[in-house]
C-alpha atoms as a PDB file:
ATOM      1  CA  UNK A   1      -9.365  13.772  33.414  1.00  0.00           C
ATOM      2  CA  UNK A   2      -8.573  15.579  29.950  1.00  0.00           C
ATOM      3  CA  UNK A   3      -7.912  13.865  27.139  1.00  0.00           C
ATOM      4  CA  UNK A   4      -4.820  13.691  24.808  1.00  0.00           C
ATOM      5  CA  UNK A   5      -3.513  13.268  21.768  1.00  0.00           C
ATOM      6  CA  UNK A   6      -0.938  12.018  20.598  1.00  0.00           C
ATOM      7  CA  UNK A   7       1.344  13.082  17.792  1.00  0.00           C
ATOM      8  CA  UNK A   8       1.121   9.622  15.195  1.00  0.00           C
ATOM      9  CA  UNK A   9       5.124   9.476  16.140  1.00  0.00           C
ATOM     10  CA  UNK A  10       4.659   8.496  19.763  1.00  0.00           C
ATOM     11  CA  UNK A  11       3.394   5.160  18.059  1.00  0.00           C
ATOM     12  CA  UNK A  12       6.046   2.198  17.646  1.00  0.00           C
ATOM     13  CA  UNK A  13       7.200   1.631  14.189  1.00  0.00           C
ATOM     14  CA  UNK A  14       6.258  -1.607  14.196  1.00  0.00           C
ATOM     15  CA  UNK A  15       2.333  -0.004  14.729  1.00  0.00           C
ATOM     16  CA  UNK A  16       2.334   2.996  11.567  1.00  0.00           C
ATOM     17  CA  UNK A  17       0.376   2.433   8.366  1.00  0.00           C
ATOM     18  CA  UNK A  18      -0.489   4.431   5.649  1.00  0.00           C
ATOM     19  CA  UNK A  19      -3.696   3.944   4.052  1.00  0.00           C
ATOM     20  CA  UNK A  20      -4.010   5.434   0.463  1.00  0.00           C
ATOM     21  CA  UNK A  21      -7.187   7.128  -0.472  1.00  0.00           C
ATOM     22  CA  UNK A  22      -8.997   7.962  -3.724  1.00  0.00           C
ATOM     23  CA  UNK A  23      -8.763   5.217  -6.466  1.00  0.00           C
ATOM     24  CA  UNK A  24      -4.970   3.810  -3.908  1.00  0.00           C
ATOM     25  CA  UNK A  25      -7.661   2.179  -2.234  1.00  0.00           C
ATOM     26  CA  UNK A  26      -8.729   0.087  -4.632  1.00  0.00           C
ATOM     27  CA  UNK A  27      -6.090  -1.210  -5.694  1.00  0.00           C
ATOM     28  CA  UNK A  28      -5.813  -4.691  -5.300  1.00  0.00           C
ATOM     29  CA  UNK A  29      -2.180  -7.195  -3.780  1.00  0.00           C
ATOM     30  CA  UNK A  30      -0.581  -9.580  -6.397  1.00  0.00           C
ATOM     31  CA  UNK A  31       3.125 -10.707  -6.114  1.00  0.00           C
ATOM     32  CA  UNK A  32       3.333  -9.980  -9.847  1.00  0.00           C
ATOM     33  CA  UNK A  33       2.077  -6.074  -9.743  1.00  0.00           C
ATOM     34  CA  UNK A  34       1.917  -3.812 -13.119  1.00  0.00           C
ATOM     35  CA  UNK A  35       2.166  -0.651 -10.519  1.00  0.00           C
ATOM     36  CA  UNK A  36       4.032  -0.032  -7.038  1.00  0.00           C
ATOM     37  CA  UNK A  37       3.612   3.255  -4.852  1.00  0.00           C
ATOM     38  CA  UNK A  38       6.155   5.424  -3.694  1.00  0.00           C
ATOM     39  CA  UNK A  39       5.273   6.464  -0.052  1.00  0.00           C
ATOM     40  CA  UNK A  40       5.743  10.607   0.149  1.00  0.00           C
ATOM     41  CA  UNK A  41       6.022  11.031   3.451  1.00  0.00           C
ATOM     42  CA  UNK A  42       6.678  14.710   3.664  1.00  0.00           C
ATOM     43  CA  UNK A  43       4.149  15.357   1.377  1.00  0.00           C
ATOM     44  CA  UNK A  44       1.296  12.719   3.113  1.00  0.00           C
ATOM     45  CA  UNK A  45       1.243  11.442  -0.065  1.00  0.00           C
ATOM     46  CA  UNK A  46       1.591   8.213  -2.292  1.00  0.00           C
ATOM     47  CA  UNK A  47       2.918   7.871  -5.948  1.00  0.00           C
ATOM     48  CA  UNK A  48       1.887   5.102  -7.716  1.00  0.00           C
ATOM     49  CA  UNK A  49       4.292   3.903 -10.125  1.00  0.00           C
ATOM     50  CA  UNK A  50       3.271   1.859 -13.950  1.00  0.00           C
ATOM     51  CA  UNK A  51       5.941  -1.044 -14.166  1.00  0.00           C
ATOM     52  CA  UNK A  52       4.759  -1.562 -17.799  1.00  0.00           C
ATOM     53  CA  UNK A  53       2.273  -0.141 -19.983  1.00  0.00           C
ATOM     54  CA  UNK A  54      -1.662  -0.845 -17.984  1.00  0.00           C
ATOM     55  CA  UNK A  55      -4.260  -1.874 -20.646  1.00  0.00           C
ATOM     56  CA  UNK A  56      -7.794  -0.087 -20.770  1.00  0.00           C
ATOM     57  CA  UNK A  57     -10.324  -2.009 -18.631  1.00  0.00           C
ATOM     58  CA  UNK A  58      -7.050  -3.732 -16.645  1.00  0.00           C
ATOM     59  CA  UNK A  59      -6.772  -4.372 -13.593  1.00  0.00           C
ATOM     60  CA  UNK A  60      -3.943  -2.222 -11.394  1.00  0.00           C
ATOM     61  CA  UNK A  61      -2.340  -3.704  -9.013  1.00  0.00           C
ATOM     62  CA  UNK A  62      -0.256  -3.523  -7.022  1.00  0.00           C
ATOM     63  CA  UNK A  63       2.712  -5.756  -4.376  1.00  0.00           C
ATOM     64  CA  UNK A  64       1.531  -4.836  -1.331  1.00  0.00           C
ATOM     65  CA  UNK A  65       4.997  -6.012   0.833  1.00  0.00           C
ATOM     66  CA  UNK A  66       7.392  -4.520  -1.705  1.00  0.00           C
ATOM     67  CA  UNK A  67       9.839  -4.268   0.763  1.00  0.00           C
ATOM     68  CA  UNK A  68      10.704  -7.574   0.660  1.00  0.00           C
ATOM     69  CA  UNK A  69      11.085  -9.551  -2.786  1.00  0.00           C
ATOM     70  CA  UNK A  70      10.270 -12.917  -1.407  1.00  0.00           C
ATOM     71  CA  UNK A  71       6.458 -13.722  -0.829  1.00  0.00           C
ATOM     72  CA  UNK A  72       5.118 -12.610   3.420  1.00  0.00           C
ATOM     73  CA  UNK A  73       3.286 -13.448   4.870  1.00  0.00           C
ATOM     74  CA  UNK A  74      -0.466 -11.111   4.653  1.00  0.00           C
ATOM     75  CA  UNK A  75      -2.544 -10.054   7.537  1.00  0.00           C
ATOM     76  CA  UNK A  76      -5.838 -10.797   5.475  1.00  0.00           C
ATOM     77  CA  UNK A  77      -5.934 -14.440   2.806  1.00  0.00           C
ATOM     78  CA  UNK A  78      -5.949 -12.971  -0.783  1.00  0.00           C
ATOM     79  CA  UNK A  79      -8.084 -14.834  -3.530  1.00  0.00           C
ATOM     80  CA  UNK A  80      -6.478 -16.676  -5.976  1.00  0.00           C
ATOM     81  CA  UNK A  81      -7.894 -15.009  -8.881  1.00  0.00           C
ATOM     82  CA  UNK A  82      -5.454 -13.678 -11.325  1.00  0.00           C
END
């Protein structure tokens, strides 16, 4: 039996995810972020945009569930440190 590759768009939308590489992979989640992101599907890229001036040595944070304004359950327990 020959192995088959399935295109990414074969999977139901609920199972599709984007993984940030580079510095994007270390930005932590908060419900009061200092940055946001925009997925550029056609370019297979993620743009991170500051929401305000970010001070030197300040952590860059984003809301992982930015499509919803209310707090949304995450698939992990976020740190309570702010």
